[in-house]
């Protein structure tokens, strides 16, 4: 449950950053791969997934949405990691690849945990 909450916080903040700070995001070379509307759409997607990680589990209403949201974040992270890896493979805190991979690993852990180890149903 802790990882799930941290993933929700991480995904929501990443989505808000993509949605509201495009000027800062545009300084990263990988940003050129998508137009501003694409990054905004990804930001909204991440924010919706963050809400779906917490609300269904907390309210016991359609708890199957929690692992679905985590799986969607894993798939999005794989795509973004591939996109970021084309531009830089350096392991620095300023490289978005590091953060995308971290979010993908946490999302995979939450998805596996909610599907196999401890389903909410």
PDB file of N, CA and C in Angstrom:
ATOM      1  N   UNK A   1       0.824  -1.189   0.000  1.00  0.00           N
ATOM      2  CA  UNK A   1       0.000   0.000   0.000  1.00  0.00           C
ATOM      3  C   UNK A   1       0.872   1.258   0.000  1.00  0.00           C
ATOM      4  N   UNK A   2       2.022   1.186   0.660  1.00  0.00           N
ATOM      5  CA  UNK A   2       2.921   2.340   0.699  1.00  0.00           C
ATOM      6  C   UNK A   2       3.479   2.623  -0.693  1.00  0.00           C
ATOM      7  N   UNK A   3       3.925   1.572  -1.376  1.00  0.00           N
ATOM      8  CA  UNK A   3       4.451   1.749  -2.734  1.00  0.00           C
ATOM      9  C   UNK A   3       3.371   2.287  -3.663  1.00  0.00           C
ATOM     10  N   UNK A   4       2.156   1.830  -3.455  1.00  0.00           N
ATOM     11  CA  UNK A   4       1.041   2.299  -4.266  1.00  0.00           C
ATOM     12  C   UNK A   4       0.807   3.790  -4.062  1.00  0.00           C
ATOM     13  N   UNK A   5       0.853   4.246  -2.833  1.00  0.00           N
ATOM     14  CA  UNK A   5       0.694   5.665  -2.545  1.00  0.00           C
ATOM     15  C   UNK A   5       1.846   6.490  -3.088  1.00  0.00           C
ATOM     16  N   UNK A   6       3.070   5.974  -2.942  1.00  0.00           N
ATOM     17  CA  UNK A   6       4.235   6.681  -3.485  1.00  0.00           C
ATOM     18  C   UNK A   6       4.183   6.753  -5.006  1.00  0.00           C
ATOM     19  N   UNK A   7       3.748   5.671  -5.638  1.00  0.00           N
ATOM     20  CA  UNK A   7       3.606   5.673  -7.091  1.00  0.00           C
ATOM     21  C   UNK A   7       2.558   6.690  -7.521  1.00  0.00           C
ATOM     22  N   UNK A   8       1.457   6.765  -6.787  1.00  0.00           N
ATOM     23  CA  UNK A   8       0.418   7.738  -7.121  1.00  0.00           C
ATOM     24  C   UNK A   8       0.951   9.166  -6.998  1.00  0.00           C
ATOM     25  N   UNK A   9       1.688   9.432  -5.948  1.00  0.00           N
ATOM     26  CA  UNK A   9       2.279  10.761  -5.767  1.00  0.00           C
ATOM     27  C   UNK A   9       3.284  11.062  -6.867  1.00  0.00           C
ATOM     28  N   UNK A  10       4.114  10.095  -7.188  1.00  0.00           N
ATOM     29  CA  UNK A  10       5.130  10.226  -8.231  1.00  0.00           C
ATOM     30  C   UNK A  10       4.477  10.461  -9.600  1.00  0.00           C
ATOM     31  N   UNK A  11       3.447   9.665  -9.917  1.00  0.00           N
ATOM     32  CA  UNK A  11       2.770   9.793 -11.212  1.00  0.00           C
ATOM     33  C   UNK A  11       2.020  11.116 -11.313  1.00  0.00           C
ATOM     34  N   UNK A  12       1.368  11.529 -10.227  1.00  0.00           N
ATOM     35  CA  UNK A  12       0.618  12.784 -10.265  1.00  0.00           C
ATOM     36  C   UNK A  12       1.556  13.976 -10.445  1.00  0.00           C
ATOM     37  N   UNK A  13       2.672  13.961  -9.718  1.00  0.00           N
ATOM     38  CA  UNK A  13       3.602  15.083  -9.848  1.00  0.00           C
ATOM     39  C   UNK A  13       4.266  15.093 -11.222  1.00  0.00           C
ATOM     40  N   UNK A  14       4.592  13.919 -11.765  1.00  0.00           N
ATOM     41  CA  UNK A  14       5.172  13.856 -13.109  1.00  0.00           C
ATOM     42  C   UNK A  14       4.169  14.328 -14.155  1.00  0.00           C
ATOM     43  N   UNK A  15       2.918  13.944 -13.988  1.00  0.00           N
ATOM     44  CA  UNK A  15       1.885  14.385 -14.922  1.00  0.00           C
ATOM     45  C   UNK A  15       1.647  15.884 -14.847  1.00  0.00           C
ATOM     46  N   UNK A  16       1.625  16.412 -13.637  1.00  0.00           N
ATOM     47  CA  UNK A  16       1.435  17.858 -13.483  1.00  0.00           C
ATOM     48  C   UNK A  16       2.605  18.623 -14.083  1.00  0.00           C
ATOM     49  N   UNK A  17       3.809  18.085 -13.931  1.00  0.00           N
ATOM     50  CA  UNK A  17       4.988  18.727 -14.515  1.00  0.00           C
ATOM     51  C   UNK A  17       4.883  18.753 -16.033  1.00  0.00           C
ATOM     52  N   UNK A  18       4.476  17.639 -16.634  1.00  0.00           N
ATOM     53  CA  UNK A  18       4.330  17.592 -18.091  1.00  0.00           C
ATOM     54  C   UNK A  18       3.226  18.521 -18.573  1.00  0.00           C
ATOM     55  N   UNK A  19       2.180  18.645 -17.790  1.00  0.00           N
ATOM     56  CA  UNK A  19       1.040  19.449 -18.190  1.00  0.00           C
ATOM     57  C   UNK A  19       1.270  20.948 -18.006  1.00  0.00           C
ATOM     58  N   UNK A  20       1.906  21.340 -16.917  1.00  0.00           N
ATOM     59  CA  UNK A  20       1.994  22.764 -16.583  1.00  0.00           C
ATOM     60  C   UNK A  20       3.372  23.400 -16.759  1.00  0.00           C
ATOM     61  N   UNK A  21       4.423  22.620 -16.929  1.00  0.00           N
ATOM     62  CA  UNK A  21       5.780  23.173 -17.049  1.00  0.00           C
ATOM     63  C   UNK A  21       6.429  22.786 -18.369  1.00  0.00           C
ATOM     64  N   UNK A  22       5.732  22.978 -19.450  1.00  0.00           N
ATOM     65  CA  UNK A  22       6.297  22.558 -20.741  1.00  0.00           C
ATOM     66  C   UNK A  22       7.548  23.357 -21.085  1.00  0.00           C
ATOM     67  N   UNK A  23       7.657  24.597 -20.637  1.00  0.00           N
ATOM     68  CA  UNK A  23       8.839  25.409 -20.946  1.00  0.00           C
ATOM     69  C   UNK A  23      10.103  24.754 -20.369  1.00  0.00           C
ATOM     70  N   UNK A  24       9.999  24.235 -19.150  1.00  0.00           N
ATOM     71  CA  UNK A  24      11.139  23.530 -18.540  1.00  0.00           C
ATOM     72  C   UNK A  24      11.371  22.185 -19.221  1.00  0.00           C
ATOM     73  N   UNK A  25      10.287  21.511 -19.533  1.00  0.00           N
ATOM     74  CA  UNK A  25      10.387  20.206 -20.185  1.00  0.00           C
ATOM     75  C   UNK A  25      11.001  20.329 -21.574  1.00  0.00           C
ATOM     76  N   UNK A  26      10.759  21.436 -22.235  1.00  0.00           N
ATOM     77  CA  UNK A  26      11.276  21.642 -23.593  1.00  0.00           C
ATOM     78  C   UNK A  26      12.798  21.737 -23.637  1.00  0.00           C
ATOM     79  N   UNK A  27      13.439  21.941 -22.496  1.00  0.00           N
ATOM     80  CA  UNK A  27      14.903  22.026 -22.453  1.00  0.00           C
ATOM     81  C   UNK A  27      15.559  20.652 -22.583  1.00  0.00           C
ATOM     82  N   UNK A  28      14.787  19.593 -22.400  1.00  0.00           N
ATOM     83  CA  UNK A  28      15.302  18.228 -22.509  1.00  0.00           C
ATOM     84  C   UNK A  28      15.223  17.797 -23.979  1.00  0.00           C
ATOM     85  N   UNK A  29      16.302  17.254 -24.528  1.00  0.00           N
ATOM     86  CA  UNK A  29      16.303  16.905 -25.960  1.00  0.00           C
ATOM     87  C   UNK A  29      15.204  15.939 -26.377  1.00  0.00           C
ATOM     88  N   UNK A  30      14.819  15.002 -25.528  1.00  0.00           N
ATOM     89  CA  UNK A  30      13.799  14.013 -25.893  1.00  0.00           C
ATOM     90  C   UNK A  30      12.425  14.637 -26.084  1.00  0.00           C
ATOM     91  N   UNK A  31      12.241  15.857 -25.605  1.00  0.00           N
ATOM     92  CA  UNK A  31      10.945  16.519 -25.727  1.00  0.00           C
ATOM     93  C   UNK A  31      10.578  16.777 -27.180  1.00  0.00           C
ATOM     94  N   UNK A  32      11.563  16.887 -28.031  1.00  0.00           N
ATOM     95  CA  UNK A  32      11.304  17.163 -29.443  1.00  0.00           C
ATOM     96  C   UNK A  32      10.559  16.025 -30.136  1.00  0.00           C
ATOM     97  N   UNK A  33      10.521  14.846 -29.529  1.00  0.00           N
ATOM     98  CA  UNK A  33       9.866  13.693 -30.137  1.00  0.00           C
ATOM     99  C   UNK A  33       8.348  13.840 -30.188  1.00  0.00           C
ATOM    100  N   UNK A  34       7.786  14.640 -29.283  1.00  0.00           N
ATOM    101  CA  UNK A  34       6.343  14.849 -29.242  1.00  0.00           C
ATOM    102  C   UNK A  34       6.032  16.340 -29.201  1.00  0.00           C
ATOM    103  N   UNK A  35       4.904  16.748 -29.780  1.00  0.00           N
ATOM    104  CA  UNK A  35       4.505  18.159 -29.658  1.00  0.00           C
ATOM    105  C   UNK A  35       3.991  18.444 -28.242  1.00  0.00           C
ATOM    106  N   UNK A  36       3.768  19.705 -27.957  1.00  0.00           N
ATOM    107  CA  UNK A  36       3.304  20.091 -26.619  1.00  0.00           C
ATOM    108  C   UNK A  36       1.988  19.405 -26.271  1.00  0.00           C
ATOM    109  N   UNK A  37       1.098  19.259 -27.227  1.00  0.00           N
ATOM    110  CA  UNK A  37      -0.173  18.576 -26.971  1.00  0.00           C
ATOM    111  C   UNK A  37       0.020  17.126 -26.571  1.00  0.00           C
ATOM    112  N   UNK A  38       1.010  16.469 -27.150  1.00  0.00           N
ATOM    113  CA  UNK A  38       1.303  15.085 -26.788  1.00  0.00           C
ATOM    114  C   UNK A  38       1.788  14.968 -25.361  1.00  0.00           C
ATOM    115  N   UNK A  39       2.659  15.877 -24.955  1.00  0.00           N
ATOM    116  CA  UNK A  39       3.157  15.867 -23.577  1.00  0.00           C
ATOM    117  C   UNK A  39       2.039  16.213 -22.600  1.00  0.00           C
ATOM    118  N   UNK A  40       1.165  17.136 -22.997  1.00  0.00           N
ATOM    119  CA  UNK A  40       0.031  17.474 -22.128  1.00  0.00           C
ATOM    120  C   UNK A  40      -0.903  16.277 -21.960  1.00  0.00           C
ATOM    121  N   UNK A  41      -1.123  15.544 -23.048  1.00  0.00           N
ATOM    122  CA  UNK A  41      -1.966  14.351 -22.983  1.00  0.00           C
ATOM    123  C   UNK A  41      -1.345  13.304 -22.063  1.00  0.00           C
ATOM    124  N   UNK A  42      -0.040  13.114 -22.185  1.00  0.00           N
ATOM    125  CA  UNK A  42       0.641  12.179 -21.281  1.00  0.00           C
ATOM    126  C   UNK A  42       0.536  12.637 -19.831  1.00  0.00           C
ATOM    127  N   UNK A  43       0.610  13.940 -19.612  1.00  0.00           N
ATOM    128  CA  UNK A  43       0.476  14.472 -18.257  1.00  0.00           C
ATOM    129  C   UNK A  43      -0.892  14.185 -17.667  1.00  0.00           C
ATOM    130  N   UNK A  44      -1.933  14.408 -18.455  1.00  0.00           N
ATOM    131  CA  UNK A  44      -3.294  14.121 -17.983  1.00  0.00           C
ATOM    132  C   UNK A  44      -3.456  12.620 -17.729  1.00  0.00           C
ATOM    133  N   UNK A  45      -2.913  11.807 -18.636  1.00  0.00           N
ATOM    134  CA  UNK A  45      -2.965  10.347 -18.486  1.00  0.00           C
ATOM    135  C   UNK A  45      -2.324   9.907 -17.174  1.00  0.00           C
ATOM    136  N   UNK A  46      -1.149  10.448 -16.871  1.00  0.00           N
ATOM    137  CA  UNK A  46      -0.466  10.084 -15.634  1.00  0.00           C
ATOM    138  C   UNK A  46      -1.248  10.543 -14.408  1.00  0.00           C
ATOM    139  N   UNK A  47      -1.866  11.702 -14.485  1.00  0.00           N
ATOM    140  CA  UNK A  47      -2.638  12.194 -13.353  1.00  0.00           C
ATOM    141  C   UNK A  47      -3.890  11.338 -13.126  1.00  0.00           C
ATOM    142  N   UNK A  48      -4.534  10.910 -14.199  1.00  0.00           N
ATOM    143  CA  UNK A  48      -5.701  10.034 -14.078  1.00  0.00           C
ATOM    144  C   UNK A  48      -5.281   8.683 -13.490  1.00  0.00           C
ATOM    145  N   UNK A  49      -4.166   8.149 -13.964  1.00  0.00           N
ATOM    146  CA  UNK A  49      -3.669   6.883 -13.411  1.00  0.00           C
ATOM    147  C   UNK A  49      -3.355   7.018 -11.925  1.00  0.00           C
ATOM    148  N   UNK A  50      -2.797   8.157 -11.524  1.00  0.00           N
ATOM    149  CA  UNK A  50      -2.489   8.382 -10.115  1.00  0.00           C
ATOM    150  C   UNK A  50      -3.753   8.350  -9.266  1.00  0.00           C
ATOM    151  N   UNK A  51      -4.803   8.962  -9.757  1.00  0.00           N
ATOM    152  CA  UNK A  51      -6.075   8.945  -9.025  1.00  0.00           C
ATOM    153  C   UNK A  51      -6.626   7.518  -8.966  1.00  0.00           C
ATOM    154  N   UNK A  52      -6.515   6.783 -10.084  1.00  0.00           N
ATOM    155  CA  UNK A  52      -7.028   5.417 -10.120  1.00  0.00           C
ATOM    156  C   UNK A  52      -6.196   4.447  -9.277  1.00  0.00           C
ATOM    157  N   UNK A  53      -4.990   4.825  -8.932  1.00  0.00           N
ATOM    158  CA  UNK A  53      -4.191   3.996  -8.035  1.00  0.00           C
ATOM    159  C   UNK A  53      -4.683   4.071  -6.600  1.00  0.00           C
ATOM    160  N   UNK A  54      -5.299   5.192  -6.235  1.00  0.00           N
ATOM    161  CA  UNK A  54      -5.659   5.416  -4.837  1.00  0.00           C
ATOM    162  C   UNK A  54      -7.161   5.293  -4.578  1.00  0.00           C
ATOM    163  N   UNK A  55      -7.965   5.968  -5.378  1.00  0.00           N
ATOM    164  CA  UNK A  55      -9.397   6.073  -5.084  1.00  0.00           C
ATOM    165  C   UNK A  55     -10.126   4.722  -5.087  1.00  0.00           C
ATOM    166  N   UNK A  56      -9.987   3.885  -6.119  1.00  0.00           N
ATOM    167  CA  UNK A  56     -10.712   2.602  -6.069  1.00  0.00           C
ATOM    168  C   UNK A  56     -10.287   1.717  -4.894  1.00  0.00           C
ATOM    169  N   UNK A  57      -9.014   1.746  -4.559  1.00  0.00           N
ATOM    170  CA  UNK A  57      -8.544   0.938  -3.431  1.00  0.00           C
ATOM    171  C   UNK A  57      -9.084   1.476  -2.110  1.00  0.00           C
ATOM    172  N   UNK A  58      -9.152   2.791  -1.990  1.00  0.00           N
ATOM    173  CA  UNK A  58      -9.609   3.399  -0.734  1.00  0.00           C
ATOM    174  C   UNK A  58     -11.117   3.271  -0.544  1.00  0.00           C
ATOM    175  N   UNK A  59     -11.873   3.355  -1.639  1.00  0.00           N
ATOM    176  CA  UNK A  59     -13.328   3.331  -1.535  1.00  0.00           C
ATOM    177  C   UNK A  59     -13.916   1.948  -1.760  1.00  0.00           C
ATOM    178  N   UNK A  60     -13.083   0.986  -2.135  1.00  0.00           N
ATOM    179  CA  UNK A  60     -13.529  -0.381  -2.444  1.00  0.00           C
ATOM    180  C   UNK A  60     -14.541  -0.395  -3.601  1.00  0.00           C
ATOM    181  N   UNK A  61     -14.489   0.598  -4.455  1.00  0.00           N
ATOM    182  CA  UNK A  61     -15.343   0.691  -5.634  1.00  0.00           C
ATOM    183  C   UNK A  61     -14.508   0.356  -6.854  1.00  0.00           C
ATOM    184  N   UNK A  62     -14.804  -0.742  -7.512  1.00  0.00           N
ATOM    185  CA  UNK A  62     -14.074  -1.223  -8.686  1.00  0.00           C
ATOM    186  C   UNK A  62     -12.568  -1.289  -8.425  1.00  0.00           C
ATOM    187  N   UNK A  63     -12.148  -2.063  -7.441  1.00  0.00           N
ATOM    188  CA  UNK A  63     -10.722  -2.119  -7.108  1.00  0.00           C
ATOM    189  C   UNK A  63      -9.853  -2.693  -8.216  1.00  0.00           C
ATOM    190  N   UNK A  64     -10.462  -3.301  -9.230  1.00  0.00           N
ATOM    191  CA  UNK A  64      -9.682  -3.830 -10.355  1.00  0.00           C
ATOM    192  C   UNK A  64      -9.008  -2.705 -11.141  1.00  0.00           C
ATOM    193  N   UNK A  65      -9.482  -1.485 -10.987  1.00  0.00           N
ATOM    194  CA  UNK A  65      -8.883  -0.354 -11.698  1.00  0.00           C
ATOM    195  C   UNK A  65      -7.476  -0.021 -11.185  1.00  0.00           C
ATOM    196  N   UNK A  66      -7.180  -0.381  -9.960  1.00  0.00           N
ATOM    197  CA  UNK A  66      -5.860  -0.085  -9.402  1.00  0.00           C
ATOM    198  C   UNK A  66      -4.741  -0.822 -10.141  1.00  0.00           C
ATOM    199  N   UNK A  67      -4.803  -2.150 -10.304  1.00  0.00           N
ATOM    200  CA  UNK A  67      -3.731  -2.807 -11.062  1.00  0.00           C
ATOM    201  C   UNK A  67      -3.756  -2.451 -12.544  1.00  0.00           C
ATOM    202  N   UNK A  68      -4.918  -2.120 -13.075  1.00  0.00           N
ATOM    203  CA  UNK A  68      -4.994  -1.694 -14.478  1.00  0.00           C
ATOM    204  C   UNK A  68      -4.246  -0.373 -14.658  1.00  0.00           C
ATOM    205  N   UNK A  69      -4.428   0.547 -13.726  1.00  0.00           N
ATOM    206  CA  UNK A  69      -3.720   1.836 -13.787  1.00  0.00           C
ATOM    207  C   UNK A  69      -2.215   1.636 -13.635  1.00  0.00           C
ATOM    208  N   UNK A  70      -1.808   0.744 -12.751  1.00  0.00           N
ATOM    209  CA  UNK A  70      -0.383   0.477 -12.571  1.00  0.00           C
ATOM    210  C   UNK A  70       0.207  -0.144 -13.834  1.00  0.00           C
ATOM    211  N   UNK A  71      -0.524  -1.050 -14.468  1.00  0.00           N
ATOM    212  CA  UNK A  71      -0.057  -1.661 -15.712  1.00  0.00           C
ATOM    213  C   UNK A  71       0.039  -0.625 -16.824  1.00  0.00           C
ATOM    214  N   UNK A  72      -0.931   0.289 -16.880  1.00  0.00           N
ATOM    215  CA  UNK A  72      -0.884   1.359 -17.883  1.00  0.00           C
ATOM    216  C   UNK A  72       0.346   2.233 -17.670  1.00  0.00           C
ATOM    217  N   UNK A  73       0.701   2.489 -16.427  1.00  0.00           N
ATOM    218  CA  UNK A  73       1.903   3.280 -16.136  1.00  0.00           C
ATOM    219  C   UNK A  73       3.177   2.517 -16.513  1.00  0.00           C
ATOM    220  N   UNK A  74       3.168   1.201 -16.360  1.00  0.00           N
ATOM    221  CA  UNK A  74       4.319   0.397 -16.780  1.00  0.00           C
ATOM    222  C   UNK A  74       4.507   0.525 -18.286  1.00  0.00           C
ATOM    223  N   UNK A  75       3.427   0.376 -19.038  1.00  0.00           N
ATOM    224  CA  UNK A  75       3.509   0.472 -20.500  1.00  0.00           C
ATOM    225  C   UNK A  75       3.953   1.866 -20.941  1.00  0.00           C
ATOM    226  N   UNK A  76       3.411   2.889 -20.294  1.00  0.00           N
ATOM    227  CA  UNK A  76       3.822   4.249 -20.631  1.00  0.00           C
ATOM    228  C   UNK A  76       5.298   4.469 -20.313  1.00  0.00           C
ATOM    229  N   UNK A  77       5.747   3.919 -19.199  1.00  0.00           N
ATOM    230  CA  UNK A  77       7.155   4.057 -18.820  1.00  0.00           C
ATOM    231  C   UNK A  77       8.074   3.362 -19.815  1.00  0.00           C
ATOM    232  N   UNK A  78       7.657   2.215 -20.316  1.00  0.00           N
ATOM    233  CA  UNK A  78       8.464   1.522 -21.323  1.00  0.00           C
ATOM    234  C   UNK A  78       8.609   2.361 -22.588  1.00  0.00           C
ATOM    235  N   UNK A  79       7.522   2.965 -23.019  1.00  0.00           N
ATOM    236  CA  UNK A  79       7.571   3.808 -24.218  1.00  0.00           C
ATOM    237  C   UNK A  79       8.453   5.032 -23.980  1.00  0.00           C
ATOM    238  N   UNK A  80       8.256   5.692 -22.855  1.00  0.00           N
ATOM    239  CA  UNK A  80       9.063   6.883 -22.557  1.00  0.00           C
ATOM    240  C   UNK A  80      10.531   6.534 -22.333  1.00  0.00           C
ATOM    241  N   UNK A  81      10.808   5.373 -21.754  1.00  0.00           N
ATOM    242  CA  UNK A  81      12.203   4.955 -21.561  1.00  0.00           C
ATOM    243  C   UNK A  81      12.868   4.733 -22.907  1.00  0.00           C
ATOM    244  N   UNK A  82      12.161   4.124 -23.834  1.00  0.00           N
ATOM    245  CA  UNK A  82      12.706   3.940 -25.174  1.00  0.00           C
ATOM    246  C   UNK A  82      12.959   5.264 -25.863  1.00  0.00           C
ATOM    247  N   UNK A  83      12.052   6.201 -25.663  1.00  0.00           N
ATOM    248  CA  UNK A  83      12.205   7.526 -26.262  1.00  0.00           C
ATOM    249  C   UNK A  83      13.385   8.270 -25.645  1.00  0.00           C
ATOM    250  N   UNK A  84      13.488   8.222 -24.320  1.00  0.00           N
ATOM    251  CA  UNK A  84      14.584   8.914 -23.630  1.00  0.00           C
ATOM    252  C   UNK A  84      15.935   8.254 -23.896  1.00  0.00           C
ATOM    253  N   UNK A  85      15.950   6.934 -24.042  1.00  0.00           N
ATOM    254  CA  UNK A  85      17.204   6.221 -24.271  1.00  0.00           C
ATOM    255  C   UNK A  85      17.833   6.583 -25.612  1.00  0.00           C
ATOM    256  N   UNK A  86      17.033   7.042 -26.553  1.00  0.00           N
ATOM    257  CA  UNK A  86      17.575   7.465 -27.846  1.00  0.00           C
ATOM    258  C   UNK A  86      18.445   8.706 -27.716  1.00  0.00           C
ATOM    259  N   UNK A  87      18.238   9.477 -26.680  1.00  0.00           N
ATOM    260  CA  UNK A  87      18.941  10.743 -26.517  1.00  0.00           C
ATOM    261  C   UNK A  87      20.061  10.698 -25.495  1.00  0.00           C
ATOM    262  N   UNK A  88      19.905   9.895 -24.447  1.00  0.00           N
ATOM    263  CA  UNK A  88      20.951   9.858 -23.428  1.00  0.00           C
ATOM    264  C   UNK A  88      20.788   8.619 -22.553  1.00  0.00           C
ATOM    265  N   UNK A  89      21.917   7.976 -22.278  1.00  0.00           N
ATOM    266  CA  UNK A  89      21.922   6.833 -21.375  1.00  0.00           C
ATOM    267  C   UNK A  89      22.697   7.120 -20.095  1.00  0.00           C
ATOM    268  N   UNK A  90      23.056   8.380 -19.864  1.00  0.00           N
ATOM    269  CA  UNK A  90      23.834   8.721 -18.676  1.00  0.00           C
ATOM    270  C   UNK A  90      22.969   8.603 -17.415  1.00  0.00           C
ATOM    271  N   UNK A  91      23.564   8.115 -16.347  1.00  0.00           N
ATOM    272  CA  UNK A  91      22.854   7.944 -15.089  1.00  0.00           C
ATOM    273  C   UNK A  91      23.064   9.165 -14.205  1.00  0.00           C
ATOM    274  N   UNK A  92      22.341  10.220 -14.530  1.00  0.00           N
ATOM    275  CA  UNK A  92      22.387  11.437 -13.727  1.00  0.00           C
ATOM    276  C   UNK A  92      20.977  11.803 -13.296  1.00  0.00           C
ATOM    277  N   UNK A  93      20.857  12.596 -12.248  1.00  0.00           N
ATOM    278  CA  UNK A  93      19.541  12.984 -11.740  1.00  0.00           C
ATOM    279  C   UNK A  93      18.785  13.869 -12.716  1.00  0.00           C
ATOM    280  N   UNK A  94      19.485  14.505 -13.644  1.00  0.00           N
ATOM    281  CA  UNK A  94      18.816  15.377 -14.606  1.00  0.00           C
ATOM    282  C   UNK A  94      18.336  14.631 -15.843  1.00  0.00           C
ATOM    283  N   UNK A  95      18.700  13.371 -15.974  1.00  0.00           N
ATOM    284  CA  UNK A  95      18.269  12.580 -17.121  1.00  0.00           C
ATOM    285  C   UNK A  95      16.879  12.005 -16.839  1.00  0.00           C
ATOM    286  N   UNK A  96      15.879  12.318 -17.684  1.00  0.00           N
ATOM    287  CA  UNK A  96      14.533  11.800 -17.431  1.00  0.00           C
ATOM    288  C   UNK A  96      14.446  10.279 -17.511  1.00  0.00           C
ATOM    289  N   UNK A  97      15.393   9.645 -18.179  1.00  0.00           N
ATOM    290  CA  UNK A  97      15.391   8.186 -18.283  1.00  0.00           C
ATOM    291  C   UNK A  97      15.450   7.536 -16.906  1.00  0.00           C
ATOM    292  N   UNK A  98      16.228   8.108 -16.006  1.00  0.00           N
ATOM    293  CA  UNK A  98      16.358   7.560 -14.653  1.00  0.00           C
ATOM    294  C   UNK A  98      15.008   7.573 -13.947  1.00  0.00           C
ATOM    295  N   UNK A  99      14.282   8.673 -14.057  1.00  0.00           N
ATOM    296  CA  UNK A  99      12.993   8.812 -13.375  1.00  0.00           C
ATOM    297  C   UNK A  99      11.921   7.946 -14.019  1.00  0.00           C
ATOM    298  N   UNK A 100      11.958   7.829 -15.332  1.00  0.00           N
ATOM    299  CA  UNK A 100      10.974   7.005 -16.033  1.00  0.00           C
ATOM    300  C   UNK A 100      11.164   5.532 -15.679  1.00  0.00           C
ATOM    301  N   UNK A 101      12.406   5.091 -15.638  1.00  0.00           N
ATOM    302  CA  UNK A 101      12.682   3.699 -15.276  1.00  0.00           C
ATOM    303  C   UNK A 101      12.277   3.438 -13.822  1.00  0.00           C
ATOM    304  N   UNK A 102      12.557   4.379 -12.935  1.00  0.00           N
ATOM    305  CA  UNK A 102      12.169   4.221 -11.528  1.00  0.00           C
ATOM    306  C   UNK A 102      10.650   4.103 -11.402  1.00  0.00           C
ATOM    307  N   UNK A 103       9.921   4.961 -12.090  1.00  0.00           N
ATOM    308  CA  UNK A 103       8.463   4.903 -12.024  1.00  0.00           C
ATOM    309  C   UNK A 103       7.953   3.597 -12.627  1.00  0.00           C
ATOM    310  N   UNK A 104       8.562   3.150 -13.709  1.00  0.00           N
ATOM    311  CA  UNK A 104       8.155   1.894 -14.328  1.00  0.00           C
ATOM    312  C   UNK A 104       8.368   0.700 -13.417  1.00  0.00           C
ATOM    313  N   UNK A 105       9.498   0.672 -12.710  1.00  0.00           N
ATOM    314  CA  UNK A 105       9.769  -0.435 -11.792  1.00  0.00           C
ATOM    315  C   UNK A 105       8.796  -0.446 -10.613  1.00  0.00           C
ATOM    316  N   UNK A 106       8.523   0.722 -10.065  1.00  0.00           N
ATOM    317  CA  UNK A 106       7.562   0.801  -8.959  1.00  0.00           C
ATOM    318  C   UNK A 106       6.173   0.402  -9.446  1.00  0.00           C
ATOM    319  N   UNK A 107       5.798   0.858 -10.632  1.00  0.00           N
ATOM    320  CA  UNK A 107       4.482   0.511 -11.188  1.00  0.00           C
ATOM    321  C   UNK A 107       4.390  -0.988 -11.451  1.00  0.00           C
ATOM    322  N   UNK A 108       5.457  -1.604 -11.931  1.00  0.00           N
ATOM    323  CA  UNK A 108       5.452  -3.052 -12.167  1.00  0.00           C
ATOM    324  C   UNK A 108       5.296  -3.805 -10.846  1.00  0.00           C
ATOM    325  N   UNK A 109       5.956  -3.324  -9.803  1.00  0.00           N
ATOM    326  CA  UNK A 109       5.840  -3.941  -8.485  1.00  0.00           C
ATOM    327  C   UNK A 109       4.410  -3.841  -7.957  1.00  0.00           C
ATOM    328  N   UNK A 110       3.794  -2.659  -8.101  1.00  0.00           N
ATOM    329  CA  UNK A 110       2.418  -2.462  -7.639  1.00  0.00           C
ATOM    330  C   UNK A 110       1.461  -3.324  -8.464  1.00  0.00           C
ATOM    331  N   UNK A 111       1.632  -3.337  -9.773  1.00  0.00           N
ATOM    332  CA  UNK A 111       0.745  -4.132 -10.632  1.00  0.00           C
ATOM    333  C   UNK A 111       0.840  -5.616 -10.284  1.00  0.00           C
ATOM    334  N   UNK A 112       2.057  -6.120 -10.135  1.00  0.00           N
ATOM    335  CA  UNK A 112       2.239  -7.533  -9.776  1.00  0.00           C
ATOM    336  C   UNK A 112       1.637  -7.813  -8.401  1.00  0.00           C
ATOM    337  N   UNK A 113       1.875  -6.922  -7.479  1.00  0.00           N
ATOM    338  CA  UNK A 113       1.338  -7.106  -6.139  1.00  0.00           C
ATOM    339  C   UNK A 113      -0.178  -7.118  -6.113  1.00  0.00           C
ATOM    340  N   UNK A 114      -0.797  -6.269  -6.899  1.00  0.00           N
ATOM    341  CA  UNK A 114      -2.259  -6.185  -6.905  1.00  0.00           C
ATOM    342  C   UNK A 114      -2.902  -7.263  -7.770  1.00  0.00           C
ATOM    343  N   UNK A 115      -2.190  -7.790  -8.748  1.00  0.00           N
ATOM    344  CA  UNK A 115      -2.737  -8.887  -9.555  1.00  0.00           C
ATOM    345  C   UNK A 115      -2.530 -10.231  -8.861  1.00  0.00           C
ATOM    346  N   UNK A 116      -1.320 -10.487  -8.390  1.00  0.00           N
ATOM    347  CA  UNK A 116      -0.956 -11.824  -7.945  1.00  0.00           C
ATOM    348  C   UNK A 116      -0.835 -11.975  -6.427  1.00  0.00           C
ATOM    349  N   UNK A 117      -0.143 -11.073  -5.786  1.00  0.00           N
ATOM    350  CA  UNK A 117       0.157 -11.273  -4.374  1.00  0.00           C
ATOM    351  C   UNK A 117      -1.002 -10.927  -3.437  1.00  0.00           C
ATOM    352  N   UNK A 118      -1.565  -9.750  -3.631  1.00  0.00           N
ATOM    353  CA  UNK A 118      -2.600  -9.298  -2.706  1.00  0.00           C
ATOM    354  C   UNK A 118      -3.680  -8.525  -3.453  1.00  0.00           C
ATOM    355  N   UNK A 119      -4.532  -9.216  -4.198  1.00  0.00           N
ATOM    356  CA  UNK A 119      -5.603  -8.527  -4.920  1.00  0.00           C
ATOM    357  C   UNK A 119      -6.554  -7.816  -3.948  1.00  0.00           C
ATOM    358  N   UNK A 120      -7.110  -6.723  -4.416  1.00  0.00           N
ATOM    359  CA  UNK A 120      -8.018  -5.927  -3.573  1.00  0.00           C
ATOM    360  C   UNK A 120      -9.441  -6.489  -3.548  1.00  0.00           C
ATOM    361  N   UNK A 121      -9.726  -7.449  -4.383  1.00  0.00           N
ATOM    362  CA  UNK A 121     -11.098  -7.956  -4.507  1.00  0.00           C
ATOM    363  C   UNK A 121     -11.517  -8.722  -3.297  1.00  0.00           C
TER     364      UNK A 121
END
